[in-house]
All heavy atoms as atom14 arrays in JSON, in Angstrom:
{
  "sequence": "FLLSSAGVKIGSVFGLRFKRKAEITGGVILILMG",
  "atom14_mask": [
    [1, 1, 1, 1, 1, 1, 1, 1, 1, 1, 1, 0, 0, 0],
    [1, 1, 1, 1, 1, 1, 1, 1, 0, 0, 0, 0, 0, 0],
    [1, 1, 1, 1, 1, 1, 1, 1, 0, 0, 0, 0, 0, 0],
    [1, 1, 1, 1, 1, 1, 0, 0, 0, 0, 0, 0, 0, 0],
    [1, 1, 1, 1, 1, 1, 0, 0, 0, 0, 0, 0, 0, 0],
    [1, 1, 1, 1, 1, 0, 0, 0, 0, 0, 0, 0, 0, 0],
    [1, 1, 1, 1, 0, 0, 0, 0, 0, 0, 0, 0, 0, 0],
    [1, 1, 1, 1, 1, 1, 1, 0, 0, 0, 0, 0, 0, 0],
    [1, 1, 1, 1, 1, 1, 1, 1, 1, 0, 0, 0, 0, 0],
    [1, 1, 1, 1, 1, 1, 1, 1, 0, 0, 0, 0, 0, 0],
    [1, 1, 1, 1, 0, 0, 0, 0, 0, 0, 0, 0, 0, 0],
    [1, 1, 1, 1, 1, 1, 0, 0, 0, 0, 0, 0, 0, 0],
    [1, 1, 1, 1, 1, 1, 1, 0, 0, 0, 0, 0, 0, 0],
    [1, 1, 1, 1, 1, 1, 1, 1, 1, 1, 1, 0, 0, 0],
    [1, 1, 1, 1, 0, 0, 0, 0, 0, 0, 0, 0, 0, 0],
    [1, 1, 1, 1, 1, 1, 1, 1, 0, 0, 0, 0, 0, 0],
    [1, 1, 1, 1, 1, 1, 1, 1, 1, 1, 1, 0, 0, 0],
    [1, 1, 1, 1, 1, 1, 1, 1, 1, 1, 1, 0, 0, 0],
    [1, 1, 1, 1, 1, 1, 1, 1, 1, 0, 0, 0, 0, 0],
    [1, 1, 1, 1, 1, 1, 1, 1, 1, 1, 1, 0, 0, 0],
    [1, 1, 1, 1, 1, 1, 1, 1, 1, 0, 0, 0, 0, 0],
    [1, 1, 1, 1, 1, 0, 0, 0, 0, 0, 0, 0, 0, 0],
    [1, 1, 1, 1, 1, 1, 1, 1, 1, 0, 0, 0, 0, 0],
    [1, 1, 1, 1, 1, 1, 1, 1, 0, 0, 0, 0, 0, 0],
    [1, 1, 1, 1, 1, 1, 1, 0, 0, 0, 0, 0, 0, 0],
    [1, 1, 1, 1, 0, 0, 0, 0, 0, 0, 0, 0, 0, 0],
    [1, 1, 1, 1, 0, 0, 0, 0, 0, 0, 0, 0, 0, 0],
    [1, 1, 1, 1, 1, 1, 1, 0, 0, 0, 0, 0, 0, 0],
    [1, 1, 1, 1, 1, 1, 1, 1, 0, 0, 0, 0, 0, 0],
    [1, 1, 1, 1, 1, 1, 1, 1, 0, 0, 0, 0, 0, 0],
    [1, 1, 1, 1, 1, 1, 1, 1, 0, 0, 0, 0, 0, 0],
    [1, 1, 1, 1, 1, 1, 1, 1, 0, 0, 0, 0, 0, 0],
    [1, 1, 1, 1, 1, 1, 1, 1, 0, 0, 0, 0, 0, 0],
    [1, 1, 1, 1, 0, 0, 0, 0, 0, 0, 0, 0, 0, 0]
  ],
  "atom14_positions": [
    [[47.7, 77.61, 104.98], [47.38, 77.52, 103.55], [47.68, 78.84, 102.84], [48.35, 78.86, 101.81], [45.91, 77.17, 103.38], [45.41, 77.3, 101.95], [45.61, 76.24, 101.07], [44.81, 78.43, 101.48], [45.21, 76.33, 99.74], [44.42, 78.56, 100.18], [44.59, 77.49, 99.29], [0.0, 0.0, 0.0], [0.0, 0.0, 0.0], [0.0, 0.0, 0.0]],
    [[47.24, 79.93, 103.41], [47.44, 81.25, 102.79], [48.92, 81.62, 102.72], [49.4, 82.07, 101.67], [46.64, 82.34, 103.53], [45.12, 82.2, 103.49], [44.46, 83.18, 104.42], [44.64, 82.38, 102.06], [0.0, 0.0, 0.0], [0.0, 0.0, 0.0], [0.0, 0.0, 0.0], [0.0, 0.0, 0.0], [0.0, 0.0, 0.0], [0.0, 0.0, 0.0]],
    [[49.62, 81.44, 103.83], [51.05, 81.81, 103.85], [51.88, 80.89, 102.94], [52.83, 81.35, 102.27], [51.59, 81.77, 105.27], [51.17, 82.97, 106.12], [51.56, 82.77, 107.58], [51.74, 84.24, 105.59], [0.0, 0.0, 0.0], [0.0, 0.0, 0.0], [0.0, 0.0, 0.0], [0.0, 0.0, 0.0], [0.0, 0.0, 0.0], [0.0, 0.0, 0.0]],
    [[51.55, 79.62, 102.91], [52.29, 78.68, 102.04], [52.04, 78.97, 100.55], [52.96, 78.93, 99.75], [51.91, 77.24, 102.34], [52.25, 76.94, 103.67], [0.0, 0.0, 0.0], [0.0, 0.0, 0.0], [0.0, 0.0, 0.0], [0.0, 0.0, 0.0], [0.0, 0.0, 0.0], [0.0, 0.0, 0.0], [0.0, 0.0, 0.0], [0.0, 0.0, 0.0]],
    [[50.81, 79.23, 100.25], [50.48, 79.6, 98.87], [51.22, 80.85, 98.44], [51.81, 80.9, 97.35], [48.95, 79.82, 98.73], [48.27, 78.63, 98.99], [0.0, 0.0, 0.0], [0.0, 0.0, 0.0], [0.0, 0.0, 0.0], [0.0, 0.0, 0.0], [0.0, 0.0, 0.0], [0.0, 0.0, 0.0], [0.0, 0.0, 0.0], [0.0, 0.0, 0.0]],
    [[51.2, 81.84, 99.31], [51.92, 83.07, 99.02], [53.42, 82.83, 98.98], [54.13, 83.41, 98.14], [51.6, 84.14, 100.09], [0.0, 0.0, 0.0], [0.0, 0.0, 0.0], [0.0, 0.0, 0.0], [0.0, 0.0, 0.0], [0.0, 0.0, 0.0], [0.0, 0.0, 0.0], [0.0, 0.0, 0.0], [0.0, 0.0, 0.0], [0.0, 0.0, 0.0]],
    [[53.94, 81.92, 99.83], [55.35, 81.63, 99.89], [55.89, 81.05, 98.58], [56.98, 81.38, 98.15], [0.0, 0.0, 0.0], [0.0, 0.0, 0.0], [0.0, 0.0, 0.0], [0.0, 0.0, 0.0], [0.0, 0.0, 0.0], [0.0, 0.0, 0.0], [0.0, 0.0, 0.0], [0.0, 0.0, 0.0], [0.0, 0.0, 0.0], [0.0, 0.0, 0.0]],
    [[55.08, 80.22, 97.92], [55.49, 79.66, 96.63], [55.68, 80.78, 95.61], [56.67, 80.84, 94.9], [54.46, 78.63, 96.14], [54.75, 78.2, 94.7], [54.39, 77.4, 97.04], [0.0, 0.0, 0.0], [0.0, 0.0, 0.0], [0.0, 0.0, 0.0], [0.0, 0.0, 0.0], [0.0, 0.0, 0.0], [0.0, 0.0, 0.0], [0.0, 0.0, 0.0]],
    [[54.73, 81.72, 95.59], [54.84, 82.85, 94.64], [55.99, 83.74, 95.03], [56.76, 84.19, 94.17], [53.5, 83.63, 94.63], [53.47, 84.72, 93.65], [53.56, 84.16, 92.23], [53.36, 85.26, 91.2], [53.51, 84.77, 89.83], [0.0, 0.0, 0.0], [0.0, 0.0, 0.0], [0.0, 0.0, 0.0], [0.0, 0.0, 0.0], [0.0, 0.0, 0.0]],
    [[56.14, 84.03, 96.29], [57.25, 84.91, 96.76], [58.6, 84.27, 96.41], [59.48, 84.96, 95.95], [57.12, 85.17, 98.27], [55.93, 86.09, 98.55], [58.41, 85.77, 98.85], [55.55, 86.17, 100.01], [0.0, 0.0, 0.0], [0.0, 0.0, 0.0], [0.0, 0.0, 0.0], [0.0, 0.0, 0.0], [0.0, 0.0, 0.0], [0.0, 0.0, 0.0]],
    [[58.71, 82.95, 96.61], [59.92, 82.27, 96.27], [60.27, 82.38, 94.8], [61.45, 82.51, 94.41], [0.0, 0.0, 0.0], [0.0, 0.0, 0.0], [0.0, 0.0, 0.0], [0.0, 0.0, 0.0], [0.0, 0.0, 0.0], [0.0, 0.0, 0.0], [0.0, 0.0, 0.0], [0.0, 0.0, 0.0], [0.0, 0.0, 0.0], [0.0, 0.0, 0.0]],
    [[59.25, 82.28, 93.94], [59.54, 82.38, 92.51], [59.92, 83.79, 92.11], [60.65, 83.97, 91.14], [58.3, 81.92, 91.7], [57.27, 82.88, 91.76], [0.0, 0.0, 0.0], [0.0, 0.0, 0.0], [0.0, 0.0, 0.0], [0.0, 0.0, 0.0], [0.0, 0.0, 0.0], [0.0, 0.0, 0.0], [0.0, 0.0, 0.0], [0.0, 0.0, 0.0]],
    [[59.47, 84.78, 92.84], [59.75, 86.17, 92.5], [61.01, 86.69, 93.19], [61.86, 87.29, 92.57], [58.54, 87.09, 92.85], [58.85, 88.55, 92.62], [57.32, 86.67, 92.04], [0.0, 0.0, 0.0], [0.0, 0.0, 0.0], [0.0, 0.0, 0.0], [0.0, 0.0, 0.0], [0.0, 0.0, 0.0], [0.0, 0.0, 0.0], [0.0, 0.0, 0.0]],
    [[61.13, 86.45, 94.5], [62.2, 87.07, 95.26], [63.3, 86.11, 95.7], [64.32, 86.55, 96.23], [61.64, 87.72, 96.55], [60.7, 88.86, 96.26], [59.34, 88.71, 96.46], [61.16, 90.05, 95.76], [58.46, 89.73, 96.19], [60.32, 91.11, 95.5], [58.94, 90.95, 95.71], [0.0, 0.0, 0.0], [0.0, 0.0, 0.0], [0.0, 0.0, 0.0]],
    [[63.09, 84.82, 95.58], [64.13, 83.88, 95.98], [64.18, 83.67, 97.46], [63.17, 83.79, 98.18], [0.0, 0.0, 0.0], [0.0, 0.0, 0.0], [0.0, 0.0, 0.0], [0.0, 0.0, 0.0], [0.0, 0.0, 0.0], [0.0, 0.0, 0.0], [0.0, 0.0, 0.0], [0.0, 0.0, 0.0], [0.0, 0.0, 0.0], [0.0, 0.0, 0.0]],
    [[65.38, 83.41, 98.0], [65.55, 83.03, 99.41], [65.65, 84.21, 100.36], [65.9, 84.01, 101.54], [66.83, 82.17, 99.53], [66.77, 80.81, 98.86], [68.12, 80.14, 98.98], [65.71, 79.95, 99.5], [0.0, 0.0, 0.0], [0.0, 0.0, 0.0], [0.0, 0.0, 0.0], [0.0, 0.0, 0.0], [0.0, 0.0, 0.0], [0.0, 0.0, 0.0]],
    [[65.44, 85.4, 99.87], [65.63, 86.6, 100.69], [64.82, 86.57, 102.01], [65.28, 87.07, 103.0], [65.23, 87.81, 99.87], [65.86, 89.09, 100.31], [65.6, 90.19, 99.36], [65.66, 89.71, 97.99], [65.38, 90.42, 96.92], [64.95, 91.61, 97.07], [65.47, 89.9, 95.71], [0.0, 0.0, 0.0], [0.0, 0.0, 0.0], [0.0, 0.0, 0.0]],
    [[63.61, 85.99, 102.0], [62.76, 86.06, 103.18], [62.73, 84.77, 103.99], [62.14, 84.71, 105.06], [61.31, 86.36, 102.75], [61.17, 87.68, 102.06], [60.84, 87.76, 100.74], [61.4, 88.86, 102.77], [60.72, 88.97, 100.11], [61.28, 90.09, 102.15], [60.93, 90.13, 100.8], [0.0, 0.0, 0.0], [0.0, 0.0, 0.0], [0.0, 0.0, 0.0]],
    [[63.37, 83.71, 103.5], [63.26, 82.4, 104.15], [63.76, 82.43, 105.59], [63.04, 82.05, 106.51], [64.04, 81.36, 103.33], [63.97, 79.97, 103.89], [64.75, 79.01, 103.02], [64.64, 77.61, 103.53], [65.4, 77.35, 104.73], [0.0, 0.0, 0.0], [0.0, 0.0, 0.0], [0.0, 0.0, 0.0], [0.0, 0.0, 0.0], [0.0, 0.0, 0.0]],
    [[64.96, 82.84, 105.8], [65.53, 82.84, 107.17], [64.8, 83.81, 108.1], [64.55, 83.51, 109.25], [67.01, 83.18, 107.12], [67.83, 82.02, 106.63], [69.26, 82.17, 106.98], [69.97, 80.96, 106.58], [70.97, 80.93, 105.74], [71.42, 82.04, 105.22], [71.53, 79.8, 105.42], [0.0, 0.0, 0.0], [0.0, 0.0, 0.0], [0.0, 0.0, 0.0]],
    [[64.47, 84.96, 107.56], [63.72, 85.95, 108.38], [62.37, 85.38, 108.82], [61.94, 85.62, 109.94], [63.55, 87.24, 107.6], [64.82, 88.01, 107.38], [64.6, 89.23, 106.53], [65.98, 89.89, 106.29], [65.94, 90.81, 105.19], [0.0, 0.0, 0.0], [0.0, 0.0, 0.0], [0.0, 0.0, 0.0], [0.0, 0.0, 0.0], [0.0, 0.0, 0.0]],
    [[61.73, 84.64, 107.94], [60.41, 84.04, 108.27], [60.58, 83.05, 109.39], [59.82, 83.0, 110.36], [59.77, 83.41, 107.04], [0.0, 0.0, 0.0], [0.0, 0.0, 0.0], [0.0, 0.0, 0.0], [0.0, 0.0, 0.0], [0.0, 0.0, 0.0], [0.0, 0.0, 0.0], [0.0, 0.0, 0.0], [0.0, 0.0, 0.0], [0.0, 0.0, 0.0]],
    [[61.6, 82.17, 109.29], [61.83, 81.13, 110.3], [62.18, 81.78, 111.67], [61.72, 81.35, 112.72], [62.88, 80.18, 109.88], [62.44, 79.29, 108.74], [63.52, 78.34, 108.26], [64.72, 78.69, 108.3], [63.15, 77.22, 107.88], [0.0, 0.0, 0.0], [0.0, 0.0, 0.0], [0.0, 0.0, 0.0], [0.0, 0.0, 0.0], [0.0, 0.0, 0.0]],
    [[63.03, 82.81, 111.64], [63.41, 83.49, 112.89], [62.2, 84.17, 113.5], [61.99, 84.09, 114.73], [64.57, 84.46, 112.64], [65.85, 83.71, 112.31], [64.78, 85.4, 113.82], [66.99, 84.53, 111.8], [0.0, 0.0, 0.0], [0.0, 0.0, 0.0], [0.0, 0.0, 0.0], [0.0, 0.0, 0.0], [0.0, 0.0, 0.0], [0.0, 0.0, 0.0]],
    [[61.43, 84.81, 112.7], [60.18, 85.52, 113.2], [59.26, 84.52, 113.84], [58.72, 84.75, 114.91], [59.5, 86.26, 112.04], [60.4, 87.23, 111.51], [58.24, 86.94, 112.54], [0.0, 0.0, 0.0], [0.0, 0.0, 0.0], [0.0, 0.0, 0.0], [0.0, 0.0, 0.0], [0.0, 0.0, 0.0], [0.0, 0.0, 0.0], [0.0, 0.0, 0.0]],
    [[59.03, 83.38, 113.16], [58.16, 82.36, 113.72], [58.67, 81.83, 115.05], [57.9, 81.63, 116.0], [0.0, 0.0, 0.0], [0.0, 0.0, 0.0], [0.0, 0.0, 0.0], [0.0, 0.0, 0.0], [0.0, 0.0, 0.0], [0.0, 0.0, 0.0], [0.0, 0.0, 0.0], [0.0, 0.0, 0.0], [0.0, 0.0, 0.0], [0.0, 0.0, 0.0]],
    [[59.97, 81.61, 115.16], [60.56, 81.14, 116.41], [60.42, 82.15, 117.55], [60.04, 81.76, 118.67], [0.0, 0.0, 0.0], [0.0, 0.0, 0.0], [0.0, 0.0, 0.0], [0.0, 0.0, 0.0], [0.0, 0.0, 0.0], [0.0, 0.0, 0.0], [0.0, 0.0, 0.0], [0.0, 0.0, 0.0], [0.0, 0.0, 0.0], [0.0, 0.0, 0.0]],
    [[60.65, 83.41, 117.25], [60.5, 84.48, 118.28], [59.05, 84.54, 118.74], [58.75, 84.64, 119.93], [61.0, 85.82, 117.74], [60.59, 86.94, 118.65], [62.51, 85.78, 117.55], [0.0, 0.0, 0.0], [0.0, 0.0, 0.0], [0.0, 0.0, 0.0], [0.0, 0.0, 0.0], [0.0, 0.0, 0.0], [0.0, 0.0, 0.0], [0.0, 0.0, 0.0]],
    [[58.1, 84.47, 117.82], [56.68, 84.52, 118.17], [56.31, 83.4, 119.12], [55.64, 83.58, 120.14], [55.78, 84.49, 116.91], [55.88, 85.83, 116.17], [54.32, 84.21, 117.29], [55.2, 85.84, 114.81], [0.0, 0.0, 0.0], [0.0, 0.0, 0.0], [0.0, 0.0, 0.0], [0.0, 0.0, 0.0], [0.0, 0.0, 0.0], [0.0, 0.0, 0.0]],
    [[56.75, 82.17, 118.79], [56.41, 81.02, 119.65], [57.04, 81.15, 121.04], [56.38, 80.84, 122.04], [56.84, 79.72, 118.99], [56.04, 79.34, 117.73], [56.62, 78.08, 117.12], [54.56, 79.19, 118.03], [0.0, 0.0, 0.0], [0.0, 0.0, 0.0], [0.0, 0.0, 0.0], [0.0, 0.0, 0.0], [0.0, 0.0, 0.0], [0.0, 0.0, 0.0]],
    [[58.28, 81.62, 121.12], [58.94, 81.81, 122.43], [58.18, 82.84, 123.25], [57.9, 82.65, 124.42], [60.4, 82.23, 122.27], [61.21, 81.06, 121.7], [61.0, 82.71, 123.57], [62.62, 81.44, 121.26], [0.0, 0.0, 0.0], [0.0, 0.0, 0.0], [0.0, 0.0, 0.0], [0.0, 0.0, 0.0], [0.0, 0.0, 0.0], [0.0, 0.0, 0.0]],
    [[57.79, 83.97, 122.62], [57.07, 85.02, 123.32], [55.69, 84.55, 123.8], [55.26, 84.91, 124.88], [56.96, 86.27, 122.46], [58.26, 87.03, 122.19], [58.04, 88.18, 121.24], [58.87, 87.51, 123.49], [0.0, 0.0, 0.0], [0.0, 0.0, 0.0], [0.0, 0.0, 0.0], [0.0, 0.0, 0.0], [0.0, 0.0, 0.0], [0.0, 0.0, 0.0]],
    [[55.02, 83.73, 122.98], [53.7, 83.21, 123.38], [53.86, 82.26, 124.57], [53.04, 82.29, 125.51], [53.0, 82.5, 122.21], [52.53, 83.44, 121.12], [51.42, 84.72, 121.72], [50.07, 83.76, 122.37], [0.0, 0.0, 0.0], [0.0, 0.0, 0.0], [0.0, 0.0, 0.0], [0.0, 0.0, 0.0], [0.0, 0.0, 0.0], [0.0, 0.0, 0.0]],
    [[54.89, 81.44, 124.57], [55.14, 80.57, 125.7], [55.44, 81.36, 126.96], [54.94, 81.04, 128.06], [0.0, 0.0, 0.0], [0.0, 0.0, 0.0], [0.0, 0.0, 0.0], [0.0, 0.0, 0.0], [0.0, 0.0, 0.0], [0.0, 0.0, 0.0], [0.0, 0.0, 0.0], [0.0, 0.0, 0.0], [0.0, 0.0, 0.0], [0.0, 0.0, 0.0]]
  ]
}
């Protein structure tokens, strides 16, 4: 909830700059936890 809410605002301000980095970071975190 918190990250998605912030993501909407970030998207309106910064655009797509963080989208791919966020998805890659999430993927790496899940692999490392596994």
